Amino acid sequence: MLLGLAAWVMWGFFPLYWPLLEPAGAVEILAHRIFWSMVLMLGLVVVMHKRASLRATFADRRTRCVLAVASVLITVNWGTYIWGVNHHHVVETSLGYFINPLVSVLLGVLVLGERLRRLQWVALGIAAVAVLALTVEYGHPPWVALILAFSFGSYGLAKKKADAGAVESLVVETLVISPVALAYIVFLMAAGTSSFGVHGTGHALLMMGTAVITVVPLLCFGGAATRIPLSTLGLMQYLTPTVQFILGLVVFHEPMPVMRWVGFGLIWVALAVFTAETLRNRRHRVEPVPAESVSA
């Protein structure tokens, strides 16, 4: 439980970290996050004696290709999130992660051919109305939230299809995209526009620290996922956008007009309906069969 709580709360407080890396731009921060995460993950592979399983993951062509797709999706997600936070869209980033569970269900229908129960369709309908209300309020669709929700939902789907270990899959993902990240870092340095090493040791260490804040919550999440029920872990996921939402209001003082409150309120109603239906269905599935039914 503590590992799960630690993961979701740490993810929730991410918006406090990215502004510390200014004046670096979102793409430069993203490139360093990818590169240093790869370095740290390779070190973990050695420490955790996972070299054999990593080789096996690389040897499977299908797994390798699916993880390559996952690496592109998580890169889009990370880049959008960093840009959103550093351009004062913290509340909208929280909306993306509130919507994410509903997007995952929608992708299950569209991609995996899953069938939804009636109340799940109701939850998706309410969420659609919420997005429409927010589109009216913003004057355009909430692109940051939608990109975050769909990229992370698709990333989860790709990870499910890959069916690889948490450490091994993240190593492959960072290795796939790291050459591009490193090339961009080298390009910035050659052009004299890199912020890395220019703004002091502290700034450089903070850039390298993006690897730590990326990997530590993932390890906590992995530790929790193997020890507590999935339903409990699923309910915890709302901690992350809740913390982000509070930070957006209290720390970053982002505006919340009435229509924006209406949109968020509808999303929360949709999530309440979705969560209640999911828990009810799971409870029915695990209910013991009465003894008289067994004997019959």
Protein backbone atom coordinates (compact mmCIF):
# COMPACT_ATOMS: atom_id res chain seq x y z
CA MET A 1 0.00 0.00 0.00
CA LEU A 2 2.79 2.41 0.94
CA LEU A 3 4.64 1.69 -2.31
CA GLY A 4 1.50 2.36 -4.34
CA LEU A 5 0.72 5.56 -2.46
CA ALA A 6 4.32 6.71 -2.88
CA ALA A 7 4.19 6.16 -6.66
CA TRP A 8 0.93 8.02 -7.27
CA VAL A 9 1.78 10.90 -4.91
CA MET A 10 5.25 11.37 -6.44
CA TRP A 11 3.70 11.51 -9.90
CA GLY A 12 1.23 14.07 -8.56
CA PHE A 13 4.02 16.38 -7.38
CA PHE A 14 5.90 16.30 -10.73
CA PRO A 15 4.67 19.82 -11.66
CA LEU A 16 6.92 21.25 -8.93
CA TYR A 17 10.06 19.81 -10.56
CA TRP A 18 9.87 20.92 -14.20
CA PRO A 19 9.93 24.71 -13.55
CA LEU A 20 13.22 24.19 -11.67
CA LEU A 21 14.82 23.27 -15.01
CA GLU A 22 14.12 26.59 -16.69
CA PRO A 23 15.42 28.24 -18.84
CA ALA A 24 15.69 24.84 -20.56
CA GLY A 25 12.85 24.31 -23.04
CA ALA A 26 10.41 21.40 -22.92
CA VAL A 27 12.14 19.46 -25.74
CA GLU A 28 15.59 19.82 -24.16
CA ILE A 29 14.24 18.67 -20.80
CA LEU A 30 12.55 15.73 -22.51
CA ALA A 31 15.78 14.75 -24.30
CA HIS A 32 17.74 14.76 -21.03
CA ARG A 33 14.98 12.84 -19.24
CA ILE A 34 15.10 10.10 -21.88
CA PHE A 35 18.90 9.88 -22.05
CA TRP A 36 19.60 9.88 -18.30
CA SER A 37 16.71 7.47 -17.67
CA MET A 38 18.35 5.07 -20.11
CA VAL A 39 21.67 5.37 -18.25
CA LEU A 40 20.00 4.74 -14.89
CA MET A 41 17.92 1.83 -16.20
CA LEU A 42 20.98 0.12 -17.68
CA GLY A 43 22.62 0.41 -14.26
CA LEU A 44 19.55 -1.16 -12.64
CA VAL A 45 19.68 -4.05 -15.09
CA VAL A 46 23.21 -4.83 -13.88
CA VAL A 47 22.37 -4.39 -10.19
CA MET A 48 19.16 -6.44 -10.42
CA HIS A 49 20.83 -9.21 -12.52
CA LYS A 50 18.34 -8.83 -15.37
CA ARG A 51 20.79 -9.03 -18.27
CA ALA A 52 19.50 -12.45 -19.37
CA SER A 53 15.84 -11.36 -19.34
CA LEU A 54 16.75 -8.15 -21.18
CA ARG A 55 18.48 -10.17 -23.90
CA ALA A 56 15.39 -12.39 -24.16
CA THR A 57 13.17 -9.32 -24.51
CA PHE A 58 15.40 -7.93 -27.27
CA ALA A 59 15.47 -11.31 -29.04
CA ASP A 60 11.67 -11.36 -29.50
CA ARG A 61 11.03 -9.33 -32.66
CA ARG A 62 7.33 -8.77 -31.95
CA THR A 63 7.99 -7.56 -28.41
CA ARG A 64 10.75 -5.30 -29.69
CA CYS A 65 8.46 -3.70 -32.28
CA VAL A 66 5.59 -3.17 -29.83
CA LEU A 67 7.94 -1.58 -27.30
CA ALA A 68 9.29 0.69 -30.04
CA VAL A 69 5.73 1.95 -30.55
CA ALA A 70 5.39 2.31 -26.77
CA SER A 71 8.57 4.40 -26.67
CA VAL A 72 7.12 6.87 -29.19
CA LEU A 73 3.86 7.11 -27.24
CA ILE A 74 5.54 7.72 -23.87
CA THR A 75 7.84 10.29 -25.49
CA VAL A 76 4.78 12.20 -26.74
CA ASN A 77 3.22 11.89 -23.29
CA TRP A 78 6.31 13.09 -21.40
CA GLY A 79 6.94 15.95 -23.82
CA THR A 80 3.33 17.17 -23.69
CA TYR A 81 3.30 16.97 -19.90
CA ILE A 82 6.53 18.96 -19.49
CA TRP A 83 5.33 21.57 -22.00
CA GLY A 84 1.95 21.81 -20.27
CA VAL A 85 3.42 22.35 -16.81
CA ASN A 86 6.00 24.92 -17.96
CA HIS A 87 3.35 26.83 -19.96
CA HIS A 88 0.91 27.13 -17.05
CA HIS A 89 -1.49 24.31 -17.96
CA VAL A 90 -1.12 22.29 -14.74
CA VAL A 91 -4.88 22.06 -14.18
CA GLU A 92 -5.35 20.85 -17.77
CA THR A 93 -2.63 18.21 -17.33
CA SER A 94 -4.53 16.91 -14.30
CA LEU A 95 -7.65 16.70 -16.49
CA GLY A 96 -5.71 14.43 -18.87
CA TYR A 97 -4.99 11.93 -16.13
CA PHE A 98 -8.55 12.12 -14.79
CA ILE A 99 -9.78 11.21 -18.29
CA ASN A 100 -7.16 8.49 -18.81
CA PRO A 101 -9.08 5.55 -17.20
CA LEU A 102 -12.07 6.30 -19.43
CA VAL A 103 -9.83 6.51 -22.51
CA SER A 104 -8.34 3.13 -21.62
CA VAL A 105 -11.84 1.64 -21.59
CA LEU A 106 -12.65 3.29 -24.94
CA LEU A 107 -9.45 1.87 -26.47
CA GLY A 108 -10.42 -1.55 -25.16
CA VAL A 109 -13.64 -1.30 -27.18
CA LEU A 110 -12.09 0.14 -30.34
CA VAL A 111 -8.89 -1.93 -30.44
CA LEU A 112 -9.51 -5.10 -28.43
CA GLY A 113 -13.19 -5.53 -29.27
CA GLU A 114 -14.23 -5.50 -25.62
CA ARG A 115 -17.90 -4.97 -24.75
CA LEU A 116 -18.97 -2.32 -22.27
CA ARG A 117 -21.72 -2.61 -19.71
CA ARG A 118 -24.52 -0.03 -19.67
CA LEU A 119 -23.16 2.12 -16.86
CA GLN A 120 -19.74 2.21 -18.51
CA TRP A 121 -21.37 3.66 -21.63
CA VAL A 122 -23.10 6.21 -19.38
CA ALA A 123 -19.73 7.20 -17.88
CA LEU A 124 -18.21 7.65 -21.35
CA GLY A 125 -21.22 9.74 -22.44
CA ILE A 126 -20.86 12.05 -19.43
CA ALA A 127 -17.14 12.39 -20.14
CA ALA A 128 -17.89 13.35 -23.76
CA VAL A 129 -20.27 16.08 -22.56
CA ALA A 130 -17.55 17.27 -20.16
CA VAL A 131 -14.99 17.57 -22.98
CA LEU A 132 -17.57 19.49 -25.03
CA ALA A 133 -18.19 21.89 -22.11
CA LEU A 134 -14.44 22.44 -21.69
CA THR A 135 -14.08 23.02 -25.43
CA VAL A 136 -16.67 25.81 -25.18
CA GLU A 137 -14.87 27.29 -22.14
CA TYR A 138 -11.35 27.16 -23.61
CA GLY A 139 -12.49 28.18 -27.09
CA HIS A 140 -10.82 25.03 -28.45
CA PRO A 141 -10.61 21.36 -27.43
CA PRO A 142 -8.45 20.77 -24.31
CA TRP A 143 -5.61 19.48 -26.49
CA VAL A 144 -3.06 19.07 -23.69
CA ALA A 145 -5.45 16.92 -21.65
CA LEU A 146 -6.59 14.88 -24.67
CA ILE A 147 -3.04 14.21 -25.91
CA LEU A 148 -1.97 13.14 -22.41
CA ALA A 149 -4.98 10.87 -21.96
CA PHE A 150 -4.82 9.18 -25.36
CA SER A 151 -1.02 8.86 -25.48
CA PHE A 152 -0.87 7.31 -22.01
CA GLY A 153 -3.91 5.11 -22.67
CA SER A 154 -2.33 3.88 -25.92
CA TYR A 155 0.98 3.39 -24.10
CA GLY A 156 -0.74 1.16 -21.55
CA LEU A 157 -2.32 -0.82 -24.38
CA ALA A 158 1.08 -1.27 -26.07
CA LYS A 159 2.65 -2.41 -22.79
CA LYS A 160 -0.15 -4.93 -22.35
CA LYS A 161 0.46 -6.27 -25.86
CA ALA A 162 4.24 -6.44 -25.30
CA ASP A 163 3.82 -8.44 -22.07
CA ALA A 164 7.42 -7.76 -20.95
CA GLY A 165 8.92 -7.14 -17.52
CA ALA A 166 8.66 -3.60 -16.14
CA VAL A 167 12.42 -3.00 -15.96
CA GLU A 168 13.20 -4.71 -19.26
CA SER A 169 10.46 -2.91 -21.17
CA LEU A 170 11.51 0.51 -19.90
CA VAL A 171 15.12 -0.19 -20.85
CA VAL A 172 14.07 -1.12 -24.38
CA GLU A 173 11.83 1.95 -24.65
CA THR A 174 14.57 4.35 -23.57
CA LEU A 175 17.17 2.63 -25.75
CA VAL A 176 14.93 3.01 -28.81
CA ILE A 177 14.43 6.75 -28.42
CA SER A 178 17.76 7.67 -26.75
CA PRO A 179 19.75 8.05 -30.00
CA VAL A 180 17.32 10.79 -31.08
CA ALA A 181 17.47 12.40 -27.63
CA LEU A 182 21.26 12.30 -27.56
CA ALA A 183 21.50 13.71 -31.09
CA TYR A 184 19.30 16.63 -30.03
CA ILE A 185 21.42 17.26 -26.92
CA VAL A 186 24.61 17.25 -29.02
CA PHE A 187 22.97 19.55 -31.60
CA LEU A 188 22.05 22.09 -28.90
CA MET A 189 25.57 22.00 -27.47
CA ALA A 190 27.13 22.46 -30.92
CA ALA A 191 24.79 25.37 -31.65
CA GLY A 192 25.60 26.99 -28.31
CA THR A 193 21.94 26.98 -27.24
CA SER A 194 22.10 24.19 -24.65
CA SER A 195 21.31 25.08 -21.05
CA PHE A 196 23.07 21.96 -19.72
CA GLY A 197 26.31 22.90 -17.98
CA VAL A 198 25.76 26.60 -18.69
CA HIS A 199 23.70 27.49 -15.63
CA GLY A 200 25.87 25.88 -13.00
CA THR A 201 26.35 22.48 -11.41
CA GLY A 202 23.00 22.60 -9.63
CA HIS A 203 21.09 23.01 -12.87
CA ALA A 204 23.06 20.18 -14.51
CA LEU A 205 22.35 17.87 -11.56
CA LEU A 206 18.65 18.73 -11.73
CA MET A 207 18.63 17.81 -15.43
CA MET A 208 20.30 14.49 -14.64
CA GLY A 209 17.87 14.05 -11.75
CA THR A 210 15.01 13.70 -14.23
CA ALA A 211 16.12 10.06 -14.47
CA VAL A 212 15.65 9.54 -10.74
CA ILE A 213 12.19 11.08 -10.60
CA THR A 214 11.23 8.99 -13.62
CA VAL A 215 12.51 5.62 -12.41
CA VAL A 216 11.79 5.72 -8.64
CA PRO A 217 7.97 6.03 -8.94
CA LEU A 218 7.97 3.29 -11.59
CA LEU A 219 9.85 0.95 -9.27
CA CYS A 220 7.44 1.75 -6.42
CA PHE A 221 4.50 1.13 -8.74
CA GLY A 222 5.98 -2.19 -9.87
CA GLY A 223 6.51 -3.22 -6.24
CA ALA A 224 2.91 -2.36 -5.36
CA ALA A 225 1.40 -4.05 -8.43
CA THR A 226 2.76 -7.43 -7.37
CA ARG A 227 1.55 -7.16 -3.76
CA ILE A 228 -1.91 -5.56 -3.63
CA PRO A 229 -5.15 -6.16 -5.60
CA LEU A 230 -5.39 -4.44 -8.97
CA SER A 231 -8.71 -2.83 -7.97
CA THR A 232 -7.01 -1.14 -5.00
CA LEU A 233 -4.14 0.05 -7.18
CA GLY A 234 -6.63 1.34 -9.75
CA LEU A 235 -8.45 3.46 -7.18
CA MET A 236 -5.13 4.97 -6.07
CA GLN A 237 -4.48 6.35 -9.55
CA TYR A 238 -6.86 9.26 -8.89
CA LEU A 239 -4.36 10.58 -6.33
CA THR A 240 -2.04 11.80 -9.10
CA PRO A 241 -4.44 14.13 -10.96
CA THR A 242 -5.98 15.23 -7.66
CA VAL A 243 -2.60 16.41 -6.36
CA GLN A 244 -1.87 18.06 -9.74
CA PHE A 245 -5.24 19.80 -9.71
CA ILE A 246 -4.66 21.19 -6.20
CA LEU A 247 -1.16 22.36 -7.17
CA GLY A 248 -2.57 24.12 -10.24
CA LEU A 249 -5.05 26.03 -8.09
CA VAL A 250 -3.05 26.69 -4.92
CA VAL A 251 0.59 26.90 -6.05
CA PHE A 252 0.38 28.02 -9.69
CA HIS A 253 -2.80 30.09 -9.22
CA GLU A 254 -4.35 29.00 -12.51
CA PRO A 255 -7.85 30.36 -13.23
CA MET A 256 -10.95 28.17 -12.91
CA PRO A 257 -13.96 29.88 -14.52
CA VAL A 258 -17.43 28.50 -13.85
CA MET A 259 -17.63 26.51 -17.10
CA ARG A 260 -14.28 24.88 -16.31
CA TRP A 261 -15.64 23.78 -12.93
CA VAL A 262 -18.67 22.35 -14.76
CA GLY A 263 -16.42 20.37 -17.10
CA PHE A 264 -14.29 18.99 -14.27
CA GLY A 265 -17.42 18.24 -12.23
CA LEU A 266 -18.84 16.16 -15.09
CA ILE A 267 -15.54 14.26 -15.40
CA TRP A 268 -15.65 13.49 -11.67
CA VAL A 269 -19.24 12.26 -11.98
CA ALA A 270 -18.21 10.05 -14.92
CA LEU A 271 -15.33 8.63 -12.90
CA ALA A 272 -17.62 7.99 -9.90
CA VAL A 273 -20.07 6.07 -12.13
CA PHE A 274 -17.25 4.17 -13.85
CA THR A 275 -15.51 3.25 -10.56
CA ALA A 276 -18.72 2.16 -8.83
CA GLU A 277 -19.68 -0.03 -11.81
CA THR A 278 -16.19 -1.57 -11.99
CA LEU A 279 -16.13 -2.40 -8.26
CA ARG A 280 -19.67 -3.79 -8.38
CA ASN A 281 -18.83 -6.04 -11.31
CA ARG A 282 -15.64 -7.32 -9.67
CA ARG A 283 -17.51 -8.03 -6.43
CA HIS A 284 -20.09 -10.08 -8.31
CA ARG A 285 -17.38 -12.03 -10.12
CA VAL A 286 -15.64 -13.06 -6.90
CA GLU A 287 -18.77 -13.83 -4.86
CA PRO A 288 -18.61 -17.45 -3.60
CA VAL A 289 -21.17 -19.86 -5.05
CA PRO A 290 -23.70 -20.95 -2.36
CA ALA A 291 -23.15 -24.48 -1.08
CA GLU A 292 -26.64 -25.61 -2.16
CA SER A 293 -25.88 -24.51 -5.73
CA VAL A 294 -22.70 -26.56 -5.72
CA SER A 295 -24.46 -29.65 -4.45
CA ALA A 296 -27.21 -29.22 -7.03
